N, C-alpha and C. Protein backbone atom coordinates (compact mmCIF):
# COMPACT_ATOMS: atom_id res chain seq x y z
N UNK A 1 1.19 -31.20 19.86
CA UNK A 1 2.57 -31.28 20.28
C UNK A 1 3.50 -31.31 19.06
N UNK A 2 3.10 -32.03 18.04
CA UNK A 2 3.93 -32.13 16.84
C UNK A 2 4.06 -30.76 16.17
N UNK A 3 2.95 -30.01 16.14
CA UNK A 3 3.00 -28.69 15.51
C UNK A 3 3.96 -27.77 16.27
N UNK A 4 3.94 -27.84 17.60
CA UNK A 4 4.84 -27.02 18.40
C UNK A 4 6.30 -27.37 18.09
N UNK A 5 6.59 -28.64 17.96
CA UNK A 5 7.96 -29.05 17.62
C UNK A 5 8.35 -28.57 16.23
N UNK A 6 7.43 -28.65 15.29
CA UNK A 6 7.71 -28.17 13.93
C UNK A 6 8.02 -26.68 13.93
N UNK A 7 7.24 -25.91 14.70
CA UNK A 7 7.47 -24.46 14.78
C UNK A 7 8.83 -24.17 15.39
N UNK A 8 9.16 -24.87 16.46
CA UNK A 8 10.46 -24.65 17.10
C UNK A 8 11.62 -25.03 16.18
N UNK A 9 11.46 -26.10 15.41
CA UNK A 9 12.50 -26.49 14.45
C UNK A 9 12.67 -25.42 13.37
N UNK A 10 11.55 -24.89 12.87
CA UNK A 10 11.62 -23.86 11.85
C UNK A 10 12.25 -22.58 12.40
N UNK A 11 11.89 -22.22 13.63
CA UNK A 11 12.48 -21.03 14.26
C UNK A 11 13.97 -21.22 14.49
N UNK A 12 14.35 -22.40 14.91
CA UNK A 12 15.77 -22.67 15.14
C UNK A 12 16.57 -22.56 13.85
N UNK A 13 15.98 -22.99 12.75
CA UNK A 13 16.66 -22.92 11.46
C UNK A 13 16.80 -21.47 10.98
N UNK A 14 15.88 -20.59 11.41
CA UNK A 14 15.88 -19.22 10.92
C UNK A 14 16.58 -18.23 11.84
N UNK A 15 16.64 -18.53 13.13
CA UNK A 15 17.17 -17.57 14.10
C UNK A 15 18.19 -18.23 15.03
N UNK A 16 19.11 -17.42 15.53
CA UNK A 16 20.07 -17.91 16.51
C UNK A 16 19.42 -18.07 17.88
N UNK A 17 18.61 -17.10 18.26
CA UNK A 17 17.89 -17.15 19.54
C UNK A 17 16.40 -17.12 19.24
N UNK A 18 15.64 -17.91 19.98
CA UNK A 18 14.20 -18.00 19.75
C UNK A 18 13.48 -17.35 20.92
N UNK A 19 12.67 -16.36 20.60
CA UNK A 19 11.84 -15.69 21.59
C UNK A 19 10.42 -15.57 21.07
N UNK A 20 9.61 -14.86 21.81
CA UNK A 20 8.20 -14.70 21.46
C UNK A 20 8.03 -14.07 20.07
N UNK A 21 8.77 -13.01 19.81
CA UNK A 21 8.66 -12.33 18.52
C UNK A 21 9.04 -13.24 17.36
N UNK A 22 10.09 -14.01 17.53
CA UNK A 22 10.54 -14.92 16.46
C UNK A 22 9.49 -16.00 16.18
N UNK A 23 8.85 -16.49 17.22
CA UNK A 23 7.81 -17.52 17.02
C UNK A 23 6.62 -16.93 16.27
N UNK A 24 6.18 -15.73 16.66
CA UNK A 24 5.07 -15.09 15.94
C UNK A 24 5.44 -14.82 14.49
N UNK A 25 6.65 -14.36 14.25
CA UNK A 25 7.11 -14.09 12.89
C UNK A 25 7.18 -15.36 12.08
N UNK A 26 7.71 -16.40 12.67
CA UNK A 26 7.91 -17.66 11.96
C UNK A 26 6.59 -18.34 11.60
N UNK A 27 5.59 -18.18 12.47
CA UNK A 27 4.29 -18.81 12.19
C UNK A 27 3.40 -17.94 11.33
N UNK A 28 3.80 -16.68 11.13
CA UNK A 28 2.98 -15.78 10.33
C UNK A 28 1.81 -15.23 11.09
N UNK A 29 1.85 -15.31 12.41
CA UNK A 29 0.77 -14.79 13.25
C UNK A 29 1.07 -13.37 13.69
N UNK A 30 0.05 -12.54 13.81
CA UNK A 30 0.30 -11.18 14.29
C UNK A 30 0.68 -11.19 15.77
N UNK A 31 1.60 -10.35 16.14
CA UNK A 31 2.04 -10.25 17.53
C UNK A 31 0.91 -9.59 18.34
N UNK A 32 0.69 -10.01 19.58
CA UNK A 32 -0.37 -9.41 20.39
C UNK A 32 -0.26 -7.89 20.51
N UNK A 33 0.95 -7.35 20.51
CA UNK A 33 1.11 -5.89 20.57
C UNK A 33 0.55 -5.23 19.31
N UNK A 34 0.69 -5.88 18.16
CA UNK A 34 0.12 -5.35 16.91
C UNK A 34 -1.41 -5.36 16.97
N UNK A 35 -1.98 -6.43 17.48
CA UNK A 35 -3.44 -6.53 17.61
C UNK A 35 -3.94 -5.44 18.55
N UNK A 36 -3.25 -5.25 19.67
CA UNK A 36 -3.65 -4.21 20.63
C UNK A 36 -3.58 -2.83 19.98
N UNK A 37 -2.54 -2.56 19.21
CA UNK A 37 -2.40 -1.27 18.54
C UNK A 37 -3.52 -1.06 17.52
N UNK A 38 -3.90 -2.11 16.82
CA UNK A 38 -4.98 -2.01 15.84
C UNK A 38 -6.30 -1.71 16.53
N UNK A 39 -6.59 -2.43 17.60
CA UNK A 39 -7.84 -2.20 18.34
C UNK A 39 -7.87 -0.78 18.90
N UNK A 40 -6.78 -0.33 19.50
CA UNK A 40 -6.72 1.04 20.03
C UNK A 40 -6.91 2.07 18.93
N UNK A 41 -6.33 1.82 17.76
CA UNK A 41 -6.50 2.72 16.63
C UNK A 41 -7.95 2.75 16.17
N UNK A 42 -8.58 1.60 16.13
CA UNK A 42 -9.98 1.52 15.71
C UNK A 42 -10.90 2.25 16.68
N UNK A 43 -10.58 2.19 17.96
CA UNK A 43 -11.43 2.81 18.97
C UNK A 43 -11.21 4.31 19.11
N UNK A 44 -10.04 4.80 18.73
CA UNK A 44 -9.74 6.21 18.99
C UNK A 44 -9.66 7.09 17.74
N UNK A 45 -9.61 6.50 16.56
CA UNK A 45 -9.45 7.30 15.34
C UNK A 45 -10.64 7.11 14.40
N UNK A 46 -10.72 7.98 13.42
CA UNK A 46 -11.72 7.82 12.36
C UNK A 46 -11.44 6.53 11.59
N UNK A 47 -12.47 5.96 10.98
CA UNK A 47 -12.30 4.69 10.28
C UNK A 47 -11.23 4.76 9.20
N UNK A 48 -11.30 5.77 8.34
CA UNK A 48 -10.34 5.82 7.22
C UNK A 48 -8.92 6.03 7.73
N UNK A 49 -8.75 6.84 8.75
CA UNK A 49 -7.41 7.05 9.32
C UNK A 49 -6.89 5.77 9.93
N UNK A 50 -7.74 5.11 10.68
CA UNK A 50 -7.34 3.87 11.34
C UNK A 50 -7.02 2.78 10.32
N UNK A 51 -7.84 2.66 9.30
CA UNK A 51 -7.66 1.61 8.30
C UNK A 51 -6.41 1.83 7.47
N UNK A 52 -5.98 3.07 7.32
CA UNK A 52 -4.79 3.36 6.54
C UNK A 52 -3.52 3.39 7.38
N UNK A 53 -3.62 3.08 8.66
CA UNK A 53 -2.46 3.15 9.53
C UNK A 53 -1.49 2.01 9.24
N UNK A 54 -0.28 2.15 9.73
CA UNK A 54 0.75 1.14 9.51
C UNK A 54 0.40 -0.19 10.17
N UNK A 55 -0.40 -0.16 11.21
CA UNK A 55 -0.76 -1.40 11.90
C UNK A 55 -1.61 -2.30 11.00
N UNK A 56 -2.55 -1.70 10.27
CA UNK A 56 -3.35 -2.50 9.35
C UNK A 56 -2.49 -3.03 8.22
N UNK A 57 -1.53 -2.23 7.78
CA UNK A 57 -0.60 -2.69 6.74
C UNK A 57 0.18 -3.90 7.24
N UNK A 58 0.68 -3.83 8.47
CA UNK A 58 1.42 -4.96 9.04
C UNK A 58 0.55 -6.20 9.13
N UNK A 59 -0.71 -6.02 9.51
CA UNK A 59 -1.61 -7.17 9.61
C UNK A 59 -1.83 -7.80 8.24
N UNK A 60 -1.96 -7.00 7.19
CA UNK A 60 -2.12 -7.54 5.84
C UNK A 60 -0.88 -8.30 5.41
N UNK A 61 0.31 -7.79 5.74
CA UNK A 61 1.56 -8.48 5.40
C UNK A 61 1.65 -9.80 6.13
N UNK A 62 1.26 -9.83 7.40
CA UNK A 62 1.28 -11.07 8.18
C UNK A 62 0.34 -12.09 7.57
N UNK A 63 -0.85 -11.66 7.13
CA UNK A 63 -1.80 -12.59 6.50
C UNK A 63 -1.23 -13.17 5.22
N UNK A 64 -0.55 -12.37 4.43
CA UNK A 64 0.05 -12.87 3.19
C UNK A 64 1.15 -13.87 3.51
N UNK A 65 1.98 -13.55 4.51
CA UNK A 65 3.06 -14.44 4.90
C UNK A 65 2.53 -15.75 5.47
N UNK A 66 1.40 -15.72 6.14
CA UNK A 66 0.82 -16.93 6.70
C UNK A 66 0.41 -17.89 5.59
N UNK A 67 0.03 -17.35 4.43
CA UNK A 67 -0.35 -18.20 3.30
C UNK A 67 0.86 -18.92 2.71
N UNK A 68 2.05 -18.33 2.89
CA UNK A 68 3.26 -18.92 2.33
C UNK A 68 3.62 -20.21 3.06
N UNK A 69 3.44 -20.23 4.37
CA UNK A 69 3.76 -21.41 5.16
C UNK A 69 4.91 -21.14 6.10
N UNK A 70 4.98 -21.93 7.15
CA UNK A 70 5.96 -21.69 8.21
C UNK A 70 7.39 -21.80 7.69
N UNK A 71 7.75 -22.89 7.07
CA UNK A 71 9.14 -23.08 6.66
C UNK A 71 9.54 -22.12 5.55
N UNK A 72 8.62 -21.83 4.61
CA UNK A 72 8.94 -20.91 3.54
C UNK A 72 9.15 -19.51 4.08
N UNK A 73 8.31 -19.09 5.02
CA UNK A 73 8.41 -17.75 5.58
C UNK A 73 9.71 -17.60 6.37
N UNK A 74 10.04 -18.57 7.16
CA UNK A 74 11.26 -18.48 7.97
C UNK A 74 12.51 -18.49 7.10
N UNK A 75 12.45 -19.16 5.99
CA UNK A 75 13.60 -19.21 5.10
C UNK A 75 13.88 -17.83 4.48
N UNK A 76 12.84 -16.99 4.38
CA UNK A 76 13.01 -15.66 3.81
C UNK A 76 13.73 -14.73 4.74
N UNK A 77 13.64 -14.94 6.06
CA UNK A 77 14.24 -14.03 7.05
C UNK A 77 15.72 -14.17 7.14
């Protein structure tokens, strides 16, 4: 419960309106639509093509941002 409150406080500090996308961005977690796009790319394309797609790039950026921390990441937006 405390973590949920911390996330909402950080989102409120970074955004005027809080929605699903803002929460995923603020926590540094990949959005479910990004995960779905990555899985679809992996299932339908060659490995090298899929791995070089923008979706994998976004996932790498999200992982780096998750290392920064919730409040630090939200402060950048």
